[in-house]
Amino acid sequence: MMQRAYFTRAWVSPRAHSIADWLIFIYEIQPGYRLAPYLGFNSTVDNHDAVRLWVHQKMQLRPAEIQTLGDLRQSFAVMLP
């Protein structure tokens, strides 16, 4: 069951939120609104929420195309401008 563990505008699982925060830290994603279209979201979604939604989407895919955090990190890096 999905829970809202943190106050953000995006509803994602606590695990997806933690992983997204790690990616935000690793890639030094700044607050703003220019990243969302590169991740497949509307430009009105802010950068951090776009990363959280992207991670959550990838975790929900069946069969899973992402098996490890390394796979997720590589897949995310390809999406960056």
Protein backbone atom coordinates (compact mmCIF):
# COMPACT_ATOMS: atom_id res chain seq x y z
CA MET A 1 0.00 0.00 0.00
CA MET A 2 1.36 3.41 -0.96
CA GLN A 3 1.83 5.90 1.84
CA ARG A 4 2.66 9.54 1.77
CA ALA A 5 5.71 9.59 3.99
CA TYR A 6 6.90 13.13 3.25
CA PHE A 7 5.25 16.41 2.38
CA THR A 8 5.68 16.83 -1.37
CA ARG A 9 3.29 17.43 -4.22
CA ALA A 10 4.03 13.94 -5.61
CA TRP A 11 2.50 10.79 -4.15
CA VAL A 12 5.18 8.12 -4.21
CA SER A 13 6.19 5.21 -2.03
CA PRO A 14 8.60 5.95 0.83
CA ARG A 15 11.22 3.73 -0.86
CA ALA A 16 10.90 5.61 -4.17
CA HIS A 17 11.14 8.90 -2.27
CA SER A 18 14.37 7.83 -0.55
CA ILE A 19 15.94 6.56 -3.77
CA ALA A 20 14.93 9.74 -5.60
CA ASP A 21 16.45 11.89 -2.86
CA TRP A 22 19.67 9.91 -3.30
CA LEU A 23 19.65 10.62 -7.07
CA ILE A 24 18.88 14.30 -6.40
CA PHE A 25 21.90 14.43 -4.07
CA ILE A 26 24.25 12.48 -6.37
CA TYR A 27 23.43 14.53 -9.48
CA GLU A 28 22.99 17.81 -7.57
CA ILE A 29 19.53 18.39 -9.06
CA GLN A 30 18.56 21.98 -8.32
CA PRO A 31 15.03 23.15 -7.49
CA GLY A 32 13.22 24.44 -10.56
CA TYR A 33 11.03 23.40 -13.46
CA ARG A 34 13.23 22.47 -16.44
CA LEU A 35 13.96 18.78 -15.83
CA ALA A 36 10.44 17.32 -15.90
CA PRO A 37 10.03 17.23 -19.71
CA TYR A 38 13.27 15.21 -20.04
CA LEU A 39 11.82 12.64 -17.64
CA GLY A 40 8.50 12.47 -19.48
CA PHE A 41 6.40 14.77 -17.30
CA ASN A 42 4.60 18.05 -17.78
CA SER A 43 6.80 21.13 -17.39
CA THR A 44 4.67 22.27 -14.43
CA VAL A 45 6.13 19.46 -12.27
CA ASP A 46 9.15 20.70 -10.31
CA ASN A 47 12.53 19.02 -10.71
CA HIS A 48 12.55 17.13 -7.42
CA ASP A 49 9.00 15.83 -7.78
CA ALA A 50 9.77 14.81 -11.37
CA VAL A 51 12.68 12.68 -10.13
CA ARG A 52 10.47 11.14 -7.43
CA LEU A 53 7.73 10.34 -9.93
CA TRP A 54 10.23 8.93 -12.43
CA VAL A 55 11.73 6.61 -9.79
CA HIS A 56 8.27 5.53 -8.65
CA GLN A 57 7.25 4.77 -12.24
CA LYS A 58 10.38 2.70 -12.85
CA MET A 59 9.77 0.74 -9.66
CA GLN A 60 6.19 -0.03 -10.70
CA LEU A 61 7.06 -1.53 -14.12
CA ARG A 62 6.37 -5.23 -14.53
CA PRO A 63 8.46 -7.04 -15.53
CA ALA A 64 11.01 -4.84 -13.81
CA GLU A 65 13.51 -3.31 -16.22
CA ILE A 66 15.51 -1.96 -13.28
CA GLN A 67 17.06 -4.64 -11.07
CA THR A 68 19.61 -2.71 -9.01
CA LEU A 69 20.30 0.84 -7.86
CA GLY A 70 23.17 0.89 -10.35
CA ASP A 71 20.74 0.11 -13.18
CA LEU A 72 18.41 2.86 -11.96
CA ARG A 73 21.26 5.35 -11.70
CA GLN A 74 22.46 4.57 -15.25
CA SER A 75 18.94 4.80 -16.63
CA PHE A 76 18.47 8.16 -14.90
CA ALA A 77 21.80 9.54 -16.15
CA VAL A 78 20.77 8.79 -19.75
CA MET A 79 17.65 10.94 -19.29
CA LEU A 80 19.53 14.02 -18.07
CA PRO A 81 20.06 16.91 -20.47
